[in-house]
């Protein structure tokens, strides 16, 4: 699989195909990624589940419309 697809699936931006969704390795990695995001990423820097992210990893440096805290 391509990295952009995997990232979207792992972060809940898109639903993975059934074969991927039921893979135990993918499930374990997805759980770890979401636990880390929930623990360390500011909610205002993330989109609602099923929606693409609108902010990048370096938004903290972009100026007045940047989130108060960035994605660390």
Protein backbone atom coordinates (compact mmCIF):
# COMPACT_ATOMS: atom_id res chain seq x y z
CA UNK A 1 0.00 0.00 0.00
CA UNK A 2 1.06 3.59 -0.57
CA UNK A 3 1.99 5.76 2.42
CA UNK A 4 -0.65 8.46 1.77
CA UNK A 5 -3.39 5.82 1.71
CA UNK A 6 -2.11 4.15 4.85
CA UNK A 7 -1.86 7.47 6.68
CA UNK A 8 -5.43 8.40 5.77
CA UNK A 9 -6.66 5.01 6.96
CA UNK A 10 -4.58 5.03 10.15
CA UNK A 11 -5.76 8.51 11.13
CA UNK A 12 -9.43 7.97 10.30
CA UNK A 13 -9.54 10.39 7.38
CA UNK A 14 -10.80 7.57 5.15
CA UNK A 15 -12.11 4.08 5.78
CA UNK A 16 -9.69 1.33 4.73
CA UNK A 17 -10.75 -1.51 2.44
CA UNK A 18 -12.27 -4.48 4.27
CA UNK A 19 -9.19 -6.66 3.72
CA UNK A 20 -7.00 -4.02 5.36
CA UNK A 21 -9.49 -3.14 8.12
CA UNK A 22 -9.61 -6.75 9.33
CA UNK A 23 -5.83 -7.29 9.21
CA UNK A 24 -4.61 -7.71 12.83
CA UNK A 25 -1.33 -5.87 12.16
CA UNK A 26 -3.16 -2.90 10.64
CA UNK A 27 -5.61 -2.89 13.55
CA UNK A 28 -2.78 -2.84 16.11
CA UNK A 29 -0.95 -0.02 14.30
CA UNK A 30 -4.17 1.97 13.83
CA UNK A 31 -4.97 1.67 17.55
CA UNK A 32 -1.47 2.89 18.44
CA UNK A 33 -1.64 5.83 16.01
CA UNK A 34 -5.05 6.93 17.25
CA UNK A 35 -4.00 6.59 20.90
CA UNK A 36 -0.95 8.76 20.20
CA UNK A 37 -3.00 11.34 18.31
CA UNK A 38 -5.58 11.49 21.09
CA UNK A 39 -2.85 11.90 23.70
CA UNK A 40 -0.57 14.35 21.90
CA UNK A 41 -2.32 16.25 19.09
CA UNK A 42 -4.50 19.25 19.78
CA UNK A 43 -8.11 18.54 18.77
CA UNK A 44 -8.37 21.84 16.89
CA UNK A 45 -5.59 20.72 14.54
CA UNK A 46 -7.50 17.63 13.41
CA UNK A 47 -10.54 17.17 11.19
CA UNK A 48 -13.65 15.22 12.11
CA UNK A 49 -13.41 11.46 11.44
CA UNK A 50 -13.94 10.70 7.77
CA UNK A 51 -12.80 14.17 6.67
CA UNK A 52 -9.36 15.10 5.29
CA UNK A 53 -7.08 17.12 7.50
CA UNK A 54 -6.87 20.75 6.55
CA UNK A 55 -3.77 21.67 8.52
CA UNK A 56 -0.23 20.42 8.09
CA UNK A 57 2.41 19.31 10.57
CA UNK A 58 4.21 22.65 10.44
CA UNK A 59 1.22 24.97 10.92
CA UNK A 60 2.61 26.25 14.21
CA UNK A 61 5.11 28.28 12.16
CA UNK A 62 2.71 29.65 9.53
CA UNK A 63 1.37 32.76 11.23
CA UNK A 64 -1.74 34.30 12.72
CA UNK A 65 -4.23 31.63 11.57
CA UNK A 66 -2.15 28.76 12.94
CA UNK A 67 -3.53 26.64 15.77
CA UNK A 68 -2.62 27.67 19.31
CA UNK A 69 -0.63 24.47 19.69
CA UNK A 70 0.83 22.38 16.92
CA UNK A 71 0.96 18.69 16.22
CA UNK A 72 3.92 17.40 18.16
